[in-house]
Amino acid sequence: MDLSVLFLLLLAAVATTVNATDHIVGANKGWNPGINYTLWANNQTFYAGDYISFRYKKTEYNVFLVNETGYDNCTIEGALGNWTSGKDFIMLNETERYYFICGTGGCLNGMKVSVVVHPLPTPPMSAIVPRHSSEKSAAPAAARGFRSLLAMSFAFFGLTLCGSVWI
């Protein structure tokens, strides 16, 4: 693969994950029986590129990604993924509904959660349209400065990666 294409893919991945949110299932209660995960999920907004993380005792519980039937029936047959570390970070990279259950029997005690992942919102037109010089403020200037620094850092990294930096 051409190194410049690789660099652009890396830049896109970093730009996507910079704004990602980590949704900790159950917040400070974690992944345990007897918690209303439907209520928890309804108070979250999930976007493509966000993470959902499960915190639990790895000797007692686990996490399975299942289809709707597996979710409804608390079965792991045909599971699409499973995690057992006790601190599982799962990227929600598709705009769809995800179904997670505990496969050690916890599902029957409420250890299941379904989340809907939305596409990333598009920026408002005001963020795209250039400002007039008479509309100056400190915040946009600081943001432009940070973006410029970030862009220069990635450009330097990309040129270094491609072997095009002369020192």
C-alpha atoms as a PDB file:
ATOM      1  CA  MET A   1       0.000   0.000   0.000  1.00  0.00           C
ATOM      2  CA  ASP A   2       1.284   3.473  -0.851  1.00  0.00           C
ATOM      3  CA  LEU A   3       2.581   5.227   2.287  1.00  0.00           C
ATOM      4  CA  SER A   4       0.632   8.401   1.528  1.00  0.00           C
ATOM      5  CA  VAL A   5      -2.608   6.378   1.461  1.00  0.00           C
ATOM      6  CA  LEU A   6      -1.595   4.708   4.725  1.00  0.00           C
ATOM      7  CA  PHE A   7      -0.976   8.135   6.266  1.00  0.00           C
ATOM      8  CA  LEU A   8      -4.393   9.405   5.156  1.00  0.00           C
ATOM      9  CA  LEU A   9      -6.064   6.322   6.632  1.00  0.00           C
ATOM     10  CA  LEU A  10      -4.191   6.872   9.900  1.00  0.00           C
ATOM     11  CA  LEU A  11      -5.201  10.530   9.940  1.00  0.00           C
ATOM     12  CA  ALA A  12      -8.851   9.592   9.339  1.00  0.00           C
ATOM     13  CA  ALA A  13      -8.747   7.036  12.150  1.00  0.00           C
ATOM     14  CA  VAL A  14      -7.258   9.554  14.579  1.00  0.00           C
ATOM     15  CA  ALA A  15      -9.754  12.231  13.570  1.00  0.00           C
ATOM     16  CA  THR A  16     -12.619   9.782  14.098  1.00  0.00           C
ATOM     17  CA  THR A  17     -11.501   8.586  17.522  1.00  0.00           C
ATOM     18  CA  VAL A  18     -10.493  11.972  18.920  1.00  0.00           C
ATOM     19  CA  ASN A  19     -14.130  12.795  19.641  1.00  0.00           C
ATOM     20  CA  ALA A  20     -15.223   9.271  20.587  1.00  0.00           C
ATOM     21  CA  THR A  21     -17.093   8.787  23.841  1.00  0.00           C
ATOM     22  CA  ASP A  22     -16.564   5.823  26.125  1.00  0.00           C
ATOM     23  CA  HIS A  23     -19.939   4.746  27.517  1.00  0.00           C
ATOM     24  CA  ILE A  24     -19.337   2.710  30.679  1.00  0.00           C
ATOM     25  CA  VAL A  25     -22.251   0.293  30.979  1.00  0.00           C
ATOM     26  CA  GLY A  26     -24.066   0.833  34.259  1.00  0.00           C
ATOM     27  CA  ALA A  27     -21.810   3.812  35.087  1.00  0.00           C
ATOM     28  CA  ASN A  28     -20.446   3.332  38.629  1.00  0.00           C
ATOM     29  CA  LYS A  29     -22.536   0.148  39.137  1.00  0.00           C
ATOM     30  CA  GLY A  30     -20.826  -1.691  36.291  1.00  0.00           C
ATOM     31  CA  TRP A  31     -21.977  -4.902  34.595  1.00  0.00           C
ATOM     32  CA  ASN A  32     -23.815  -6.702  37.387  1.00  0.00           C
ATOM     33  CA  PRO A  33     -27.192  -8.403  37.973  1.00  0.00           C
ATOM     34  CA  GLY A  34     -30.252  -6.429  39.003  1.00  0.00           C
ATOM     35  CA  ILE A  35     -29.481  -3.174  37.147  1.00  0.00           C
ATOM     36  CA  ASN A  36     -31.889  -1.599  34.672  1.00  0.00           C
ATOM     37  CA  TYR A  37     -29.628  -1.352  31.644  1.00  0.00           C
ATOM     38  CA  THR A  38     -32.513  -0.272  29.421  1.00  0.00           C
ATOM     39  CA  LEU A  39     -32.876   2.871  31.525  1.00  0.00           C
ATOM     40  CA  TRP A  40     -29.111   3.419  31.416  1.00  0.00           C
ATOM     41  CA  ALA A  41     -29.002   3.010  27.607  1.00  0.00           C
ATOM     42  CA  ASN A  42     -31.968   5.345  27.108  1.00  0.00           C
ATOM     43  CA  ASN A  43     -30.000   8.105  28.850  1.00  0.00           C
ATOM     44  CA  GLN A  44     -27.054   7.752  26.451  1.00  0.00           C
ATOM     45  CA  THR A  45     -26.544   8.851  22.868  1.00  0.00           C
ATOM     46  CA  PHE A  46     -24.272   6.537  20.916  1.00  0.00           C
ATOM     47  CA  TYR A  47     -22.515   7.625  17.734  1.00  0.00           C
ATOM     48  CA  ALA A  48     -20.476   5.626  15.237  1.00  0.00           C
ATOM     49  CA  GLY A  49     -16.921   5.463  16.544  1.00  0.00           C
ATOM     50  CA  ASP A  50     -17.930   5.590  20.221  1.00  0.00           C
ATOM     51  CA  TYR A  51     -16.944   2.849  22.635  1.00  0.00           C
ATOM     52  CA  ILE A  52     -19.099   0.865  25.003  1.00  0.00           C
ATOM     53  CA  SER A  53     -17.183  -0.593  27.915  1.00  0.00           C
ATOM     54  CA  PHE A  54     -18.107  -3.260  30.390  1.00  0.00           C
ATOM     55  CA  ARG A  55     -16.557  -3.466  33.881  1.00  0.00           C
ATOM     56  CA  TYR A  56     -17.150  -6.667  35.852  1.00  0.00           C
ATOM     57  CA  LYS A  57     -15.554  -9.518  37.802  1.00  0.00           C
ATOM     58  CA  LYS A  58     -13.961 -11.606  35.084  1.00  0.00           C
ATOM     59  CA  THR A  59     -14.267 -14.770  37.149  1.00  0.00           C
ATOM     60  CA  GLU A  60     -18.065 -14.371  37.308  1.00  0.00           C
ATOM     61  CA  TYR A  61     -19.322 -12.643  34.179  1.00  0.00           C
ATOM     62  CA  ASN A  62     -18.564 -11.991  30.519  1.00  0.00           C
ATOM     63  CA  VAL A  63     -20.006 -10.119  27.520  1.00  0.00           C
ATOM     64  CA  PHE A  64     -21.431 -11.532  24.316  1.00  0.00           C
ATOM     65  CA  LEU A  65     -22.533  -9.609  21.241  1.00  0.00           C
ATOM     66  CA  VAL A  66     -25.622 -11.415  19.959  1.00  0.00           C
ATOM     67  CA  ASN A  67     -28.470 -10.882  17.530  1.00  0.00           C
ATOM     68  CA  GLU A  68     -31.972  -9.837  18.588  1.00  0.00           C
ATOM     69  CA  THR A  69     -33.104 -13.445  19.096  1.00  0.00           C
ATOM     70  CA  GLY A  70     -30.133 -14.174  21.353  1.00  0.00           C
ATOM     71  CA  TYR A  71     -30.911 -11.018  23.289  1.00  0.00           C
ATOM     72  CA  ASP A  72     -34.598 -11.822  23.697  1.00  0.00           C
ATOM     73  CA  ASN A  73     -33.935 -15.457  24.702  1.00  0.00           C
ATOM     74  CA  CYS A  74     -30.647 -14.952  26.610  1.00  0.00           C
ATOM     75  CA  THR A  75     -28.788 -17.395  24.358  1.00  0.00           C
ATOM     76  CA  ILE A  76     -25.259 -17.129  23.009  1.00  0.00           C
ATOM     77  CA  GLU A  77     -25.756 -19.496  20.073  1.00  0.00           C
ATOM     78  CA  GLY A  78     -24.395 -17.795  16.964  1.00  0.00           C
ATOM     79  CA  ALA A  79     -22.792 -15.006  19.019  1.00  0.00           C
ATOM     80  CA  LEU A  80     -21.043 -12.333  16.966  1.00  0.00           C
ATOM     81  CA  GLY A  81     -18.349 -11.678  19.570  1.00  0.00           C
ATOM     82  CA  ASN A  82     -17.386 -12.289  23.184  1.00  0.00           C
ATOM     83  CA  TRP A  83     -15.184 -10.636  25.784  1.00  0.00           C
ATOM     84  CA  THR A  84     -13.899 -11.881  29.128  1.00  0.00           C
ATOM     85  CA  SER A  85     -11.269  -9.453  30.430  1.00  0.00           C
ATOM     86  CA  GLY A  86     -13.405  -7.665  33.030  1.00  0.00           C
ATOM     87  CA  LYS A  87     -12.566  -4.334  31.346  1.00  0.00           C
ATOM     88  CA  ASP A  88     -13.823  -4.662  27.804  1.00  0.00           C
ATOM     89  CA  PHE A  89     -13.775  -1.734  25.367  1.00  0.00           C
ATOM     90  CA  ILE A  90     -15.862  -2.356  22.256  1.00  0.00           C
ATOM     91  CA  MET A  91     -15.935   0.098  19.369  1.00  0.00           C
ATOM     92  CA  LEU A  92     -19.398   0.760  17.995  1.00  0.00           C
ATOM     93  CA  ASN A  93     -18.358   1.347  14.401  1.00  0.00           C
ATOM     94  CA  GLU A  94     -21.634   0.639  12.591  1.00  0.00           C
ATOM     95  CA  THR A  95     -24.854   2.644  12.680  1.00  0.00           C
ATOM     96  CA  GLU A  96     -27.151  -0.117  13.847  1.00  0.00           C
ATOM     97  CA  ARG A  97     -28.646  -1.681  16.975  1.00  0.00           C
ATOM     98  CA  TYR A  98     -26.245  -3.733  19.073  1.00  0.00           C
ATOM     99  CA  TYR A  99     -27.310  -6.430  21.543  1.00  0.00           C
ATOM    100  CA  PHE A 100     -25.072  -7.442  24.458  1.00  0.00           C
ATOM    101  CA  ILE A 101     -25.738 -10.107  27.081  1.00  0.00           C
ATOM    102  CA  CYS A 102     -23.890 -11.893  29.855  1.00  0.00           C
ATOM    103  CA  GLY A 103     -23.345 -15.515  28.851  1.00  0.00           C
ATOM    104  CA  THR A 104     -22.792 -16.980  32.323  1.00  0.00           C
ATOM    105  CA  GLY A 105     -26.479 -16.848  33.260  1.00  0.00           C
ATOM    106  CA  GLY A 106     -26.488 -13.185  34.248  1.00  0.00           C
ATOM    107  CA  CYS A 107     -28.686 -12.347  31.278  1.00  0.00           C
ATOM    108  CA  LEU A 108     -31.622 -13.982  33.053  1.00  0.00           C
ATOM    109  CA  ASN A 109     -30.973 -11.583  35.962  1.00  0.00           C
ATOM    110  CA  GLY A 110     -31.046  -8.494  33.745  1.00  0.00           C
ATOM    111  CA  MET A 111     -27.481  -8.423  32.477  1.00  0.00           C
ATOM    112  CA  LYS A 112     -28.348  -7.435  28.926  1.00  0.00           C
ATOM    113  CA  VAL A 113     -28.286  -4.144  27.109  1.00  0.00           C
ATOM    114  CA  SER A 114     -29.323  -3.005  23.660  1.00  0.00           C
ATOM    115  CA  VAL A 115     -28.006   0.226  22.170  1.00  0.00           C
ATOM    116  CA  VAL A 116     -28.755   2.113  18.971  1.00  0.00           C
ATOM    117  CA  VAL A 117     -25.754   3.718  17.275  1.00  0.00           C
ATOM    118  CA  HIS A 118     -26.421   6.864  15.248  1.00  0.00           C
ATOM    119  CA  PRO A 119     -24.331   8.343  12.427  1.00  0.00           C
ATOM    120  CA  LEU A 120     -22.018  11.173  13.403  1.00  0.00           C
ATOM    121  CA  PRO A 121     -23.842  14.503  13.300  1.00  0.00           C
ATOM    122  CA  THR A 122     -22.799  16.848  10.528  1.00  0.00           C
ATOM    123  CA  PRO A 123     -21.234  20.115  11.640  1.00  0.00           C
ATOM    124  CA  PRO A 124     -23.472  23.200  11.453  1.00  0.00           C
ATOM    125  CA  MET A 125     -22.983  25.396   8.405  1.00  0.00           C
ATOM    126  CA  SER A 126     -21.570  28.149  10.628  1.00  0.00           C
ATOM    127  CA  ALA A 127     -18.614  25.865  11.367  1.00  0.00           C
ATOM    128  CA  ILE A 128     -17.944  25.392   7.645  1.00  0.00           C
ATOM    129  CA  VAL A 129     -18.490  28.936   6.348  1.00  0.00           C
ATOM    130  CA  PRO A 130     -15.443  31.170   6.891  1.00  0.00           C
ATOM    131  CA  ARG A 131     -15.919  34.011   9.352  1.00  0.00           C
ATOM    132  CA  HIS A 132     -15.495  37.617   8.307  1.00  0.00           C
ATOM    133  CA  SER A 133     -12.594  39.454   9.872  1.00  0.00           C
ATOM    134  CA  SER A 134     -15.085  41.631  11.788  1.00  0.00           C
ATOM    135  CA  GLU A 135     -16.414  38.515  13.620  1.00  0.00           C
ATOM    136  CA  LYS A 136     -13.311  37.760  15.657  1.00  0.00           C
ATOM    137  CA  SER A 137     -13.431  36.015  19.008  1.00  0.00           C
ATOM    138  CA  ALA A 138     -10.859  34.311  21.203  1.00  0.00           C
ATOM    139  CA  ALA A 139     -12.427  30.834  21.092  1.00  0.00           C
ATOM    140  CA  PRO A 140     -12.373  30.374  17.291  1.00  0.00           C
ATOM    141  CA  ALA A 141      -8.829  31.745  17.158  1.00  0.00           C
ATOM    142  CA  ALA A 142      -7.713  29.280  19.811  1.00  0.00           C
ATOM    143  CA  ALA A 143      -9.485  26.447  18.004  1.00  0.00           C
ATOM    144  CA  ARG A 144      -7.863  27.431  14.700  1.00  0.00           C
ATOM    145  CA  GLY A 145      -4.485  27.527  16.453  1.00  0.00           C
ATOM    146  CA  PHE A 146      -4.960  24.054  17.884  1.00  0.00           C
ATOM    147  CA  ARG A 147      -6.190  22.665  14.566  1.00  0.00           C
ATOM    148  CA  SER A 148      -3.194  24.210  12.807  1.00  0.00           C
ATOM    149  CA  LEU A 149      -0.814  22.698  15.340  1.00  0.00           C
ATOM    150  CA  LEU A 150      -2.523  19.339  15.018  1.00  0.00           C
ATOM    151  CA  ALA A 151      -2.438  19.495  11.222  1.00  0.00           C
ATOM    152  CA  MET A 152       1.252  20.440  11.206  1.00  0.00           C
ATOM    153  CA  SER A 153       2.042  17.585  13.622  1.00  0.00           C
ATOM    154  CA  PHE A 154       0.273  15.071  11.391  1.00  0.00           C
ATOM    155  CA  ALA A 155       1.887  16.509   8.291  1.00  0.00           C
ATOM    156  CA  PHE A 156       5.346  16.190   9.882  1.00  0.00           C
ATOM    157  CA  PHE A 157       4.534  12.640  11.018  1.00  0.00           C
ATOM    158  CA  GLY A 158       3.289  11.747   7.546  1.00  0.00           C
ATOM    159  CA  LEU A 159       6.346  13.166   5.840  1.00  0.00           C
ATOM    160  CA  THR A 160       8.605  11.372   8.304  1.00  0.00           C
ATOM    161  CA  LEU A 161       6.696   8.136   7.695  1.00  0.00           C
ATOM    162  CA  CYS A 162       7.079   8.565   3.964  1.00  0.00           C
ATOM    163  CA  GLY A 163      10.795   9.382   4.290  1.00  0.00           C
ATOM    164  CA  SER A 164      10.394  12.857   2.813  1.00  0.00           C
ATOM    165  CA  VAL A 165      11.780  14.981   5.649  1.00  0.00           C
ATOM    166  CA  TRP A 166      15.145  16.630   5.089  1.00  0.00           C
ATOM    167  CA  ILE A 167      17.055  17.628   8.214  1.00  0.00           C
END
